[in-house]
Amino acid sequence: MDNEKKRSAIFSKGLLQSGELYQYLLETNVYPREPELLKELRDMTATHPRAIMATAPDAGQLIAMLLKLINVKRTIEVGVFTGYSLLRTALTIPEDGKIVAIDMNREAYEIGLPVIRKAGVENKIEFIESEALPVLDQLLEDPGNENGFDFAFIDADKIYYWKYHERLMKLVKVGGIVVYDNTLWAGSVAMPEECTPEILREGRQRTLEFNKLLAADPRVEISLAPLGDGITICRRMH
């Protein structure tokens, strides 16, 4: 990938006013602190035709800090892709930590699996190849799972975000955190509908609806951070 294309690919994951500014953020703040195995997985993912689905490295850096701030041990991840955020989480939580990782596409997960194994953290991951809602419902069938998770990261079908949220409000403990990815949807949430590219319109509408519901939910404190494609951090209050 030549430099011009590389800059373009990087900027597509950021919402700052210029590609140069986002590149500055990455090169001075994110990449110097990025573990080598995460860099390896990020480089592998960059050649994938759907590389845009990967978690932005600046968002991953903030997630790692959140995990440490609340001493996370048990997490849920909905939407794994090649596993960048999954590996970041597995490297951050303690040795006895566990991640329930749910994705319909095991093939994409297996792209990153050799790097996860090299990192020695596969034992922390329970990968479930499935749609997410049946798995979340199954978790809720065990009373021991209610309020049993410290953290969740959601990067999957936007149509189900609110349904995931309702279940996570039972699975994640009071004081725990849920992070939703893509809540600015390439900036389209601030565009007039008629100016929104056709490819973004359905996702834009779903995202607008979800953001409105989340802003009105008294169960959570929220902060929408303009990292990557927008991540909304929710702290469960009750």
Protein backbone atom coordinates (compact mmCIF):
# COMPACT_ATOMS: atom_id res chain seq x y z
CA MET A 1 0.00 0.00 0.00
CA ASP A 2 1.60 3.31 -1.07
CA ASN A 3 1.69 6.27 1.33
CA GLU A 4 -1.22 8.13 -0.26
CA LYS A 5 -3.50 5.09 -0.10
CA LYS A 6 -2.31 4.31 3.41
CA ARG A 7 -3.18 7.82 4.58
CA SER A 8 -6.59 7.53 2.94
CA ALA A 9 -7.28 4.19 4.63
CA ILE A 10 -6.24 5.55 8.01
CA PHE A 11 -8.36 8.70 7.71
CA SER A 12 -11.42 6.67 6.78
CA LYS A 13 -11.46 5.45 10.40
CA GLY A 14 -11.24 8.93 11.88
CA LEU A 15 -13.49 11.97 12.11
CA LEU A 16 -10.95 14.73 12.71
CA GLN A 17 -10.84 17.72 10.38
CA SER A 18 -7.94 16.41 8.31
CA GLY A 19 -6.10 13.21 7.53
CA GLU A 20 -2.87 14.89 8.59
CA LEU A 21 -4.24 15.66 12.04
CA TYR A 22 -5.46 12.11 12.53
CA GLN A 23 -2.10 10.78 11.34
CA TYR A 24 -0.40 13.03 13.90
CA LEU A 25 -2.61 11.62 16.67
CA LEU A 26 -1.79 8.06 15.66
CA GLU A 27 1.95 8.54 15.19
CA THR A 28 2.58 10.56 18.36
CA ASN A 29 0.08 9.03 20.78
CA VAL A 30 -1.22 5.65 19.63
CA TYR A 31 1.38 3.75 17.62
CA PRO A 32 4.31 4.30 20.04
CA ARG A 33 2.29 2.59 22.80
CA GLU A 34 0.72 -0.12 20.64
CA PRO A 35 1.94 -3.63 21.54
CA GLU A 36 3.90 -5.25 18.71
CA LEU A 37 1.44 -8.12 18.31
CA LEU A 38 -1.44 -5.68 17.93
CA LYS A 39 0.52 -3.91 15.21
CA GLU A 40 1.08 -7.26 13.52
CA LEU A 41 -2.64 -8.02 13.58
CA ARG A 42 -3.51 -4.52 12.37
CA ASP A 43 -1.12 -4.89 9.41
CA MET A 44 -2.59 -8.30 8.55
CA THR A 45 -6.12 -6.89 8.67
CA ALA A 46 -5.21 -3.94 6.42
CA THR A 47 -5.07 -6.30 3.42
CA HIS A 48 -8.57 -7.68 4.07
CA PRO A 49 -11.25 -6.44 1.63
CA ARG A 50 -13.39 -5.38 4.61
CA ALA A 51 -10.55 -3.86 6.62
CA ILE A 52 -12.74 -0.85 7.41
CA MET A 53 -14.60 -3.09 9.90
CA ALA A 54 -11.57 -3.30 12.20
CA THR A 55 -11.56 -1.31 15.43
CA ALA A 56 -9.64 1.94 15.04
CA PRO A 57 -6.36 1.83 17.00
CA ASP A 58 -7.11 5.08 18.85
CA ALA A 59 -10.44 3.66 19.99
CA GLY A 60 -8.66 0.47 21.05
CA GLN A 61 -6.24 2.49 23.13
CA LEU A 62 -9.08 4.16 25.05
CA ILE A 63 -10.83 0.80 25.56
CA ALA A 64 -7.66 -0.59 27.14
CA MET A 65 -7.56 2.34 29.56
CA LEU A 66 -11.21 1.82 30.51
CA LEU A 67 -10.54 -1.86 31.16
CA LYS A 68 -7.77 -0.95 33.57
CA LEU A 69 -9.66 1.85 35.28
CA ILE A 70 -12.47 -0.44 36.43
CA ASN A 71 -10.34 -3.59 36.88
CA VAL A 72 -12.24 -5.65 34.32
CA LYS A 73 -12.18 -9.45 34.54
CA ARG A 74 -15.27 -10.65 32.65
CA THR A 75 -16.22 -9.11 29.32
CA ILE A 76 -18.52 -9.61 26.36
CA GLU A 77 -17.57 -8.71 22.81
CA VAL A 78 -20.22 -8.70 20.07
CA GLY A 79 -18.61 -8.45 16.64
CA VAL A 80 -15.05 -9.76 16.52
CA PHE A 81 -13.92 -9.57 12.86
CA THR A 82 -10.18 -10.39 12.83
CA GLY A 83 -9.84 -9.70 16.54
CA TYR A 84 -8.01 -6.38 17.00
CA SER A 85 -10.19 -5.17 19.89
CA LEU A 86 -10.42 -8.74 21.19
CA LEU A 87 -6.64 -9.06 21.36
CA ARG A 88 -6.35 -5.62 22.94
CA THR A 89 -8.83 -6.72 25.63
CA ALA A 90 -7.17 -10.09 26.18
CA LEU A 91 -3.77 -8.44 26.62
CA THR A 92 -5.21 -5.97 29.13
CA ILE A 93 -7.37 -8.05 31.47
CA PRO A 94 -5.69 -10.24 34.13
CA GLU A 95 -4.60 -13.83 33.59
CA ASP A 96 -7.82 -15.19 35.09
CA GLY A 97 -9.98 -12.83 33.00
CA LYS A 98 -12.51 -14.19 30.48
CA ILE A 99 -14.05 -12.82 27.27
CA VAL A 100 -17.23 -14.15 25.70
CA ALA A 101 -16.61 -13.26 22.04
CA ILE A 102 -19.53 -13.60 19.60
CA ASP A 103 -19.39 -13.39 15.82
CA MET A 104 -21.12 -15.14 12.93
CA ASN A 105 -17.91 -15.24 10.87
CA ARG A 106 -15.33 -17.64 12.28
CA GLU A 107 -13.27 -17.32 9.09
CA ALA A 108 -12.42 -13.69 9.87
CA TYR A 109 -11.62 -14.56 13.49
CA GLU A 110 -9.21 -17.25 12.35
CA ILE A 111 -7.18 -14.66 10.43
CA GLY A 112 -6.13 -13.15 13.73
CA LEU A 113 -6.09 -16.36 15.74
CA PRO A 114 -2.39 -17.17 15.10
CA VAL A 115 -1.45 -13.77 16.56
CA ILE A 116 -3.78 -14.31 19.53
CA ARG A 117 -2.09 -17.66 20.14
CA LYS A 118 1.35 -16.12 19.79
CA ALA A 119 0.34 -13.61 22.46
CA GLY A 120 -0.56 -16.49 24.78
CA VAL A 121 -4.06 -15.21 25.54
CA GLU A 122 -6.32 -17.69 23.70
CA ASN A 123 -7.18 -19.28 27.07
CA LYS A 124 -9.00 -16.07 28.06
CA ILE A 125 -11.32 -16.20 25.03
CA GLU A 126 -14.51 -18.18 24.54
CA PHE A 127 -15.32 -17.65 20.87
CA ILE A 128 -18.92 -18.43 19.92
CA GLU A 129 -19.83 -18.59 16.23
CA SER A 130 -23.41 -17.37 16.29
CA GLU A 131 -25.80 -14.48 16.00
CA ALA A 132 -25.48 -12.47 19.18
CA LEU A 133 -29.05 -12.25 20.50
CA PRO A 134 -29.50 -16.02 21.10
CA VAL A 135 -26.17 -16.13 22.94
CA LEU A 136 -27.02 -13.13 25.13
CA ASP A 137 -30.41 -14.69 25.91
CA GLN A 138 -28.73 -17.97 26.77
CA LEU A 139 -26.34 -16.17 29.11
CA LEU A 140 -29.34 -14.61 30.85
CA GLU A 141 -30.88 -18.02 31.45
CA ASP A 142 -28.14 -18.57 34.06
CA PRO A 143 -28.93 -16.34 37.06
CA GLY A 144 -25.22 -16.28 37.84
CA ASN A 145 -24.61 -14.18 34.75
CA GLU A 146 -26.93 -11.35 35.77
CA ASN A 147 -24.71 -8.44 36.80
CA GLY A 148 -21.85 -10.85 36.20
CA PHE A 149 -19.86 -8.95 33.57
CA ASP A 150 -17.70 -5.88 34.04
CA PHE A 151 -17.53 -4.64 30.46
CA ALA A 152 -18.91 -5.12 26.96
CA PHE A 153 -17.80 -3.90 23.54
CA ILE A 154 -20.35 -3.90 20.72
CA ASP A 155 -19.35 -3.58 17.06
CA ALA A 156 -21.95 -5.51 15.08
CA ASP A 157 -25.24 -5.07 13.19
CA LYS A 158 -26.61 -1.63 14.04
CA ILE A 159 -30.19 -2.84 13.60
CA TYR A 160 -29.86 -4.83 16.85
CA TYR A 161 -27.94 -2.32 18.99
CA TRP A 162 -30.91 -1.45 21.21
CA LYS A 163 -31.80 -5.13 21.68
CA TYR A 164 -28.20 -5.79 22.69
CA HIS A 165 -28.39 -2.84 25.05
CA GLU A 166 -31.48 -4.13 26.84
CA ARG A 167 -29.80 -7.46 27.49
CA LEU A 168 -26.50 -5.91 28.50
CA MET A 169 -28.27 -3.78 31.09
CA LYS A 170 -28.93 -7.09 32.87
CA LEU A 171 -25.62 -8.81 32.15
CA VAL A 172 -23.22 -5.95 32.94
CA LYS A 173 -22.99 -5.02 36.62
CA VAL A 174 -23.91 -1.65 38.09
CA GLY A 175 -20.80 0.48 37.64
CA GLY A 176 -19.76 -1.57 34.61
CA ILE A 177 -19.18 -0.15 31.16
CA VAL A 178 -20.63 -0.87 27.72
CA VAL A 179 -18.94 0.64 24.65
CA TYR A 180 -20.76 0.91 21.31
CA ASP A 181 -18.76 1.44 18.11
CA ASN A 182 -19.74 3.39 14.97
CA THR A 183 -22.11 5.80 16.72
CA LEU A 184 -21.17 8.67 14.39
CA TRP A 185 -21.46 6.50 11.25
CA ALA A 186 -18.75 8.17 9.15
CA GLY A 187 -20.07 11.57 10.23
CA SER A 188 -23.37 10.99 8.43
CA VAL A 189 -25.42 11.55 11.61
CA ALA A 190 -24.82 15.29 11.12
CA MET A 191 -25.59 15.28 7.39
CA PRO A 192 -28.98 16.13 5.85
CA GLU A 193 -30.48 12.91 4.54
CA GLU A 194 -30.46 14.16 0.96
CA CYS A 195 -26.71 14.81 1.19
CA THR A 196 -25.89 11.40 2.71
CA PRO A 197 -24.29 8.87 0.34
CA GLU A 198 -26.71 6.06 -0.45
CA ILE A 199 -24.42 3.43 1.07
CA LEU A 200 -24.60 5.20 4.47
CA ARG A 201 -28.32 6.02 4.62
CA GLU A 202 -29.73 2.92 6.28
CA GLY A 203 -26.95 2.78 8.86
CA ARG A 204 -27.31 6.52 9.46
CA GLN A 205 -31.00 6.14 10.30
CA ARG A 206 -30.36 3.17 12.61
CA THR A 207 -27.59 5.09 14.34
CA LEU A 208 -29.71 8.22 14.81
CA GLU A 209 -32.47 6.13 16.37
CA PHE A 210 -30.05 4.30 18.68
CA ASN A 211 -28.27 7.47 19.78
CA LYS A 212 -31.61 9.09 20.63
CA LEU A 213 -32.72 6.10 22.71
CA LEU A 214 -29.38 5.93 24.49
CA ALA A 215 -29.41 9.64 25.33
CA ALA A 216 -32.81 9.18 27.00
CA ASP A 217 -31.91 6.04 28.96
CA PRO A 218 -31.80 6.85 32.70
CA ARG A 219 -29.95 3.61 33.46
CA VAL A 220 -26.66 4.88 32.02
CA GLU A 221 -24.25 7.78 32.01
CA ILE A 222 -22.94 8.34 28.49
CA SER A 223 -20.07 9.98 26.64
CA LEU A 224 -19.78 9.91 22.86
CA ALA A 225 -16.09 10.12 22.00
CA PRO A 226 -15.13 11.13 18.42
CA LEU A 227 -12.53 8.37 18.09
CA GLY A 228 -12.47 6.08 15.08
CA ASP A 229 -16.03 6.12 13.75
CA GLY A 230 -17.42 7.37 17.06
CA ILE A 231 -17.64 5.30 20.24
CA THR A 232 -20.27 5.79 22.92
CA ILE A 233 -19.19 4.86 26.43
CA CYS A 234 -22.03 3.90 28.78
CA ARG A 235 -21.62 3.42 32.52
CA ARG A 236 -24.49 1.47 34.05
CA MET A 237 -25.90 3.42 36.98
CA HIS A 238 -28.68 1.10 38.17
